[in-house]
Amino acid sequence: MAFTVLKGTASEATLVALLGAKAKALEREKKEHPDWDDFKIISKLVAYASEQAHSSVERAGLLGGVKMRLLPADEEYRLRGATLEKAIEDDVAAGLIPFYVSNQLAET
């Protein structure tokens, strides 16, 4: 089932998307690790965006209480798949749980 949520600003939409992804990640990880509490899971969650992302993306990470990794963009301000893949591999190896990627860019 899909839901559409209309929000008034990019900041609201970004925060709602991140919080929704966080809730799904918590639910998934509790099933996989029933002995983990919310704090343990949240401390491992990591979200990704380009360093060229709109400021609302980093703010959503702060308000959502999760790690936000801002990854380097290419010369055309794009987050490349290889860059994201490497970051995810490194974070999984470090015991983190990737759960969200934003591609919302700042206006150029």
N, C-alpha and C. Protein backbone atom coordinates (compact mmCIF):
# COMPACT_ATOMS: atom_id res chain seq x y z
N MET A 1 0.84 -1.16 0.00
CA MET A 1 0.00 0.00 0.00
C MET A 1 0.89 1.23 0.00
N ALA A 2 0.63 2.18 -0.86
CA ALA A 2 1.40 3.42 -0.95
C ALA A 2 0.57 4.57 -0.41
N PHE A 3 1.25 5.53 0.18
CA PHE A 3 0.60 6.72 0.71
C PHE A 3 1.25 7.94 0.11
N THR A 4 0.48 8.96 -0.10
CA THR A 4 0.99 10.24 -0.55
C THR A 4 0.76 11.24 0.57
N VAL A 5 1.83 11.95 0.92
CA VAL A 5 1.72 12.97 1.95
C VAL A 5 2.08 14.30 1.32
N LEU A 6 1.15 15.24 1.36
CA LEU A 6 1.42 16.56 0.82
C LEU A 6 1.89 17.46 1.95
N LYS A 7 2.96 18.14 1.72
CA LYS A 7 3.53 19.05 2.72
C LYS A 7 3.72 20.42 2.09
N GLY A 8 3.80 21.43 2.93
CA GLY A 8 3.90 22.80 2.45
C GLY A 8 5.27 23.23 1.99
N THR A 9 6.31 22.60 2.50
CA THR A 9 7.67 23.03 2.14
C THR A 9 8.55 21.82 1.88
N ALA A 10 9.68 22.08 1.22
CA ALA A 10 10.67 21.02 0.99
C ALA A 10 11.19 20.50 2.33
N SER A 11 11.36 21.38 3.29
CA SER A 11 11.87 20.96 4.59
C SER A 11 10.91 19.99 5.28
N GLU A 12 9.63 20.29 5.23
CA GLU A 12 8.64 19.39 5.84
C GLU A 12 8.64 18.04 5.14
N ALA A 13 8.64 18.04 3.83
CA ALA A 13 8.61 16.80 3.07
C ALA A 13 9.85 15.95 3.34
N THR A 14 11.00 16.59 3.40
CA THR A 14 12.25 15.88 3.67
C THR A 14 12.22 15.25 5.05
N LEU A 15 11.77 15.99 6.05
CA LEU A 15 11.70 15.47 7.41
C LEU A 15 10.72 14.31 7.50
N VAL A 16 9.55 14.44 6.90
CA VAL A 16 8.55 13.37 6.94
C VAL A 16 9.10 12.11 6.27
N ALA A 17 9.78 12.27 5.14
CA ALA A 17 10.36 11.11 4.45
C ALA A 17 11.41 10.42 5.32
N LEU A 18 12.27 11.20 5.94
CA LEU A 18 13.30 10.62 6.80
C LEU A 18 12.69 9.92 8.01
N LEU A 19 11.71 10.54 8.63
CA LEU A 19 11.08 9.93 9.81
C LEU A 19 10.34 8.65 9.44
N GLY A 20 9.71 8.63 8.28
CA GLY A 20 9.05 7.42 7.81
C GLY A 20 10.05 6.30 7.58
N ALA A 21 11.16 6.62 6.95
CA ALA A 21 12.21 5.62 6.71
C ALA A 21 12.81 5.13 8.04
N LYS A 22 12.96 6.05 8.98
CA LYS A 22 13.49 5.68 10.30
C LYS A 22 12.55 4.70 11.00
N ALA A 23 11.25 4.98 10.95
CA ALA A 23 10.26 4.09 11.58
C ALA A 23 10.29 2.70 10.95
N LYS A 24 10.39 2.64 9.63
CA LYS A 24 10.47 1.34 8.93
C LYS A 24 11.75 0.60 9.32
N ALA A 25 12.86 1.32 9.41
CA ALA A 25 14.13 0.69 9.78
C ALA A 25 14.06 0.15 11.21
N LEU A 26 13.47 0.92 12.11
CA LEU A 26 13.31 0.45 13.50
C LEU A 26 12.48 -0.84 13.54
N GLU A 27 11.39 -0.85 12.83
CA GLU A 27 10.51 -2.02 12.78
C GLU A 27 11.26 -3.24 12.24
N ARG A 28 11.98 -3.04 11.14
CA ARG A 28 12.73 -4.13 10.52
C ARG A 28 13.81 -4.68 11.45
N GLU A 29 14.57 -3.78 12.07
CA GLU A 29 15.68 -4.20 12.93
C GLU A 29 15.20 -4.85 14.23
N LYS A 30 14.05 -4.42 14.75
CA LYS A 30 13.49 -5.06 15.95
C LYS A 30 13.11 -6.51 15.67
N LYS A 31 12.61 -6.77 14.45
CA LYS A 31 12.27 -8.14 14.08
C LYS A 31 13.53 -8.98 13.94
N GLU A 32 14.56 -8.39 13.37
CA GLU A 32 15.81 -9.11 13.14
C GLU A 32 16.63 -9.27 14.42
N HIS A 33 16.54 -8.29 15.31
CA HIS A 33 17.31 -8.28 16.57
C HIS A 33 16.37 -7.96 17.73
N PRO A 34 15.54 -8.91 18.17
CA PRO A 34 14.56 -8.61 19.21
C PRO A 34 15.18 -8.18 20.55
N ASP A 35 16.45 -8.45 20.74
CA ASP A 35 17.11 -8.06 21.99
C ASP A 35 17.62 -6.61 21.95
N TRP A 36 17.57 -5.95 20.80
CA TRP A 36 18.02 -4.56 20.69
C TRP A 36 16.87 -3.61 21.04
N ASP A 37 17.19 -2.55 21.79
CA ASP A 37 16.18 -1.53 22.08
C ASP A 37 16.27 -0.40 21.04
N ASP A 38 15.32 0.51 21.09
CA ASP A 38 15.28 1.61 20.13
C ASP A 38 16.59 2.40 20.11
N PHE A 39 17.13 2.70 21.29
CA PHE A 39 18.34 3.50 21.38
C PHE A 39 19.49 2.83 20.64
N LYS A 40 19.66 1.54 20.82
CA LYS A 40 20.75 0.82 20.17
C LYS A 40 20.59 0.87 18.65
N ILE A 41 19.37 0.66 18.18
CA ILE A 41 19.12 0.68 16.73
C ILE A 41 19.36 2.08 16.17
N ILE A 42 18.78 3.09 16.79
CA ILE A 42 18.92 4.46 16.30
C ILE A 42 20.38 4.90 16.28
N SER A 43 21.15 4.44 17.26
CA SER A 43 22.57 4.82 17.29
C SER A 43 23.35 4.24 16.12
N LYS A 44 22.79 3.23 15.45
CA LYS A 44 23.45 2.59 14.31
C LYS A 44 22.93 3.08 12.96
N LEU A 45 21.80 3.78 12.95
CA LEU A 45 21.21 4.22 11.68
C LEU A 45 22.07 5.31 11.03
N VAL A 46 22.20 5.23 9.72
CA VAL A 46 22.93 6.24 8.97
C VAL A 46 22.19 6.55 7.67
N ALA A 47 22.08 7.85 7.39
CA ALA A 47 21.42 8.34 6.18
C ALA A 47 22.47 9.01 5.29
N TYR A 48 22.17 9.11 4.01
CA TYR A 48 23.13 9.65 3.05
C TYR A 48 22.50 10.74 2.19
N ALA A 49 23.35 11.69 1.81
CA ALA A 49 22.97 12.71 0.85
C ALA A 49 24.25 13.27 0.25
N SER A 50 24.11 13.97 -0.84
CA SER A 50 25.23 14.66 -1.44
C SER A 50 25.60 15.87 -0.59
N GLU A 51 26.87 16.23 -0.60
CA GLU A 51 27.27 17.46 0.10
C GLU A 51 26.65 18.69 -0.58
N GLN A 52 26.05 18.49 -1.73
CA GLN A 52 25.35 19.56 -2.43
C GLN A 52 23.85 19.56 -2.10
N ALA A 53 23.44 18.73 -1.16
CA ALA A 53 22.02 18.59 -0.81
C ALA A 53 21.47 19.89 -0.24
N HIS A 54 20.18 20.06 -0.40
CA HIS A 54 19.46 21.18 0.19
C HIS A 54 19.68 21.15 1.71
N SER A 55 19.74 22.28 2.33
CA SER A 55 20.00 22.35 3.78
C SER A 55 18.94 21.60 4.60
N SER A 56 17.76 21.43 4.04
CA SER A 56 16.70 20.72 4.76
C SER A 56 17.04 19.25 4.99
N VAL A 57 17.89 18.69 4.14
CA VAL A 57 18.27 17.28 4.28
C VAL A 57 19.11 17.09 5.54
N GLU A 58 20.12 17.90 5.72
CA GLU A 58 20.95 17.80 6.92
C GLU A 58 20.13 18.13 8.17
N ARG A 59 19.26 19.11 8.07
CA ARG A 59 18.39 19.49 9.19
C ARG A 59 17.46 18.34 9.57
N ALA A 60 16.94 17.62 8.57
CA ALA A 60 16.08 16.47 8.84
C ALA A 60 16.85 15.41 9.63
N GLY A 61 18.10 15.18 9.27
CA GLY A 61 18.92 14.23 10.02
C GLY A 61 19.10 14.65 11.47
N LEU A 62 19.32 15.94 11.69
CA LEU A 62 19.47 16.45 13.06
C LEU A 62 18.18 16.28 13.84
N LEU A 63 17.06 16.69 13.25
CA LEU A 63 15.77 16.58 13.93
C LEU A 63 15.36 15.12 14.12
N GLY A 64 15.74 14.27 13.18
CA GLY A 64 15.41 12.85 13.27
C GLY A 64 16.34 12.07 14.18
N GLY A 65 17.40 12.72 14.65
CA GLY A 65 18.31 12.09 15.60
C GLY A 65 19.13 10.95 15.01
N VAL A 66 19.51 11.08 13.73
CA VAL A 66 20.30 10.03 13.08
C VAL A 66 21.58 10.62 12.48
N LYS A 67 22.55 9.75 12.27
CA LYS A 67 23.77 10.15 11.58
C LYS A 67 23.43 10.47 10.13
N MET A 68 23.98 11.55 9.63
CA MET A 68 23.77 11.93 8.24
C MET A 68 25.16 12.08 7.62
N ARG A 69 25.44 11.27 6.62
CA ARG A 69 26.71 11.38 5.89
C ARG A 69 26.49 12.16 4.61
N LEU A 70 27.19 13.27 4.50
CA LEU A 70 27.15 14.07 3.28
C LEU A 70 28.32 13.64 2.42
N LEU A 71 28.01 13.08 1.26
CA LEU A 71 29.01 12.48 0.39
C LEU A 71 29.40 13.44 -0.73
N PRO A 72 30.63 13.33 -1.22
CA PRO A 72 31.07 14.24 -2.29
C PRO A 72 30.27 14.04 -3.57
N ALA A 73 30.02 15.15 -4.23
CA ALA A 73 29.32 15.13 -5.52
C ALA A 73 30.34 15.24 -6.64
N ASP A 74 29.92 14.89 -7.85
CA ASP A 74 30.81 15.05 -9.00
C ASP A 74 30.77 16.50 -9.48
N GLU A 75 31.47 16.77 -10.58
CA GLU A 75 31.57 18.14 -11.08
C GLU A 75 30.23 18.71 -11.57
N GLU A 76 29.25 17.84 -11.74
CA GLU A 76 27.91 18.30 -12.12
C GLU A 76 26.93 18.22 -10.95
N TYR A 77 27.47 18.16 -9.74
CA TYR A 77 26.69 18.19 -8.49
C TYR A 77 25.86 16.94 -8.26
N ARG A 78 26.25 15.82 -8.86
CA ARG A 78 25.49 14.57 -8.72
C ARG A 78 26.19 13.64 -7.74
N LEU A 79 25.40 12.95 -6.97
CA LEU A 79 25.92 11.88 -6.11
C LEU A 79 26.01 10.63 -6.98
N ARG A 80 27.19 10.11 -7.15
CA ARG A 80 27.42 8.97 -8.03
C ARG A 80 27.16 7.67 -7.27
N GLY A 81 26.66 6.69 -8.00
CA GLY A 81 26.35 5.39 -7.41
C GLY A 81 27.55 4.75 -6.74
N ALA A 82 28.72 4.85 -7.36
CA ALA A 82 29.93 4.23 -6.81
C ALA A 82 30.31 4.87 -5.47
N THR A 83 30.11 6.17 -5.36
CA THR A 83 30.40 6.88 -4.10
C THR A 83 29.47 6.40 -3.00
N LEU A 84 28.19 6.31 -3.31
CA LEU A 84 27.20 5.85 -2.34
C LEU A 84 27.46 4.39 -1.96
N GLU A 85 27.73 3.56 -2.95
CA GLU A 85 27.99 2.14 -2.69
C GLU A 85 29.17 1.95 -1.74
N LYS A 86 30.25 2.69 -1.96
CA LYS A 86 31.44 2.59 -1.10
C LYS A 86 31.11 3.03 0.32
N ALA A 87 30.37 4.12 0.46
CA ALA A 87 29.99 4.61 1.79
C ALA A 87 29.14 3.57 2.52
N ILE A 88 28.19 2.97 1.81
CA ILE A 88 27.34 1.94 2.42
C ILE A 88 28.17 0.74 2.84
N GLU A 89 29.06 0.28 1.97
CA GLU A 89 29.92 -0.86 2.31
C GLU A 89 30.76 -0.57 3.55
N ASP A 90 31.36 0.62 3.60
CA ASP A 90 32.18 1.00 4.75
C ASP A 90 31.35 1.04 6.03
N ASP A 91 30.15 1.60 5.95
CA ASP A 91 29.31 1.73 7.13
C ASP A 91 28.79 0.38 7.62
N VAL A 92 28.41 -0.49 6.71
CA VAL A 92 27.97 -1.84 7.10
C VAL A 92 29.12 -2.57 7.78
N ALA A 93 30.32 -2.45 7.23
CA ALA A 93 31.50 -3.08 7.84
C ALA A 93 31.77 -2.53 9.24
N ALA A 94 31.39 -1.28 9.47
CA ALA A 94 31.58 -0.64 10.78
C ALA A 94 30.42 -0.91 11.73
N GLY A 95 29.44 -1.72 11.29
CA GLY A 95 28.32 -2.07 12.16
C GLY A 95 27.15 -1.11 12.11
N LEU A 96 27.16 -0.20 11.13
CA LEU A 96 26.07 0.76 11.01
C LEU A 96 24.97 0.19 10.11
N ILE A 97 23.81 0.83 10.14
CA ILE A 97 22.64 0.37 9.39
C ILE A 97 22.20 1.48 8.43
N PRO A 98 22.59 1.39 7.16
CA PRO A 98 22.11 2.37 6.18
C PRO A 98 20.60 2.23 6.00
N PHE A 99 19.90 3.38 5.94
CA PHE A 99 18.44 3.28 5.85
C PHE A 99 17.79 4.34 4.97
N TYR A 100 18.52 5.33 4.52
CA TYR A 100 17.88 6.44 3.81
C TYR A 100 18.89 7.15 2.92
N VAL A 101 18.46 7.50 1.71
CA VAL A 101 19.26 8.31 0.80
C VAL A 101 18.37 9.42 0.27
N SER A 102 18.86 10.63 0.33
CA SER A 102 18.13 11.78 -0.24
C SER A 102 18.88 12.29 -1.45
N ASN A 103 18.15 12.60 -2.49
CA ASN A 103 18.78 13.19 -3.67
C ASN A 103 18.29 14.62 -3.91
N GLN A 104 17.73 15.21 -2.88
CA GLN A 104 17.23 16.58 -3.00
C GLN A 104 18.42 17.54 -3.00
N LEU A 105 18.59 18.27 -4.08
CA LEU A 105 19.72 19.19 -4.20
C LEU A 105 19.33 20.61 -3.84
N ALA A 106 20.34 21.35 -3.40
CA ALA A 106 20.14 22.78 -3.20
C ALA A 106 19.99 23.41 -4.57
N GLU A 107 19.33 24.53 -4.64
CA GLU A 107 19.18 25.21 -5.92
C GLU A 107 20.53 25.77 -6.31
N THR A 108 20.88 25.60 -7.59
CA THR A 108 22.17 26.09 -8.07
C THR A 108 21.99 27.26 -9.00
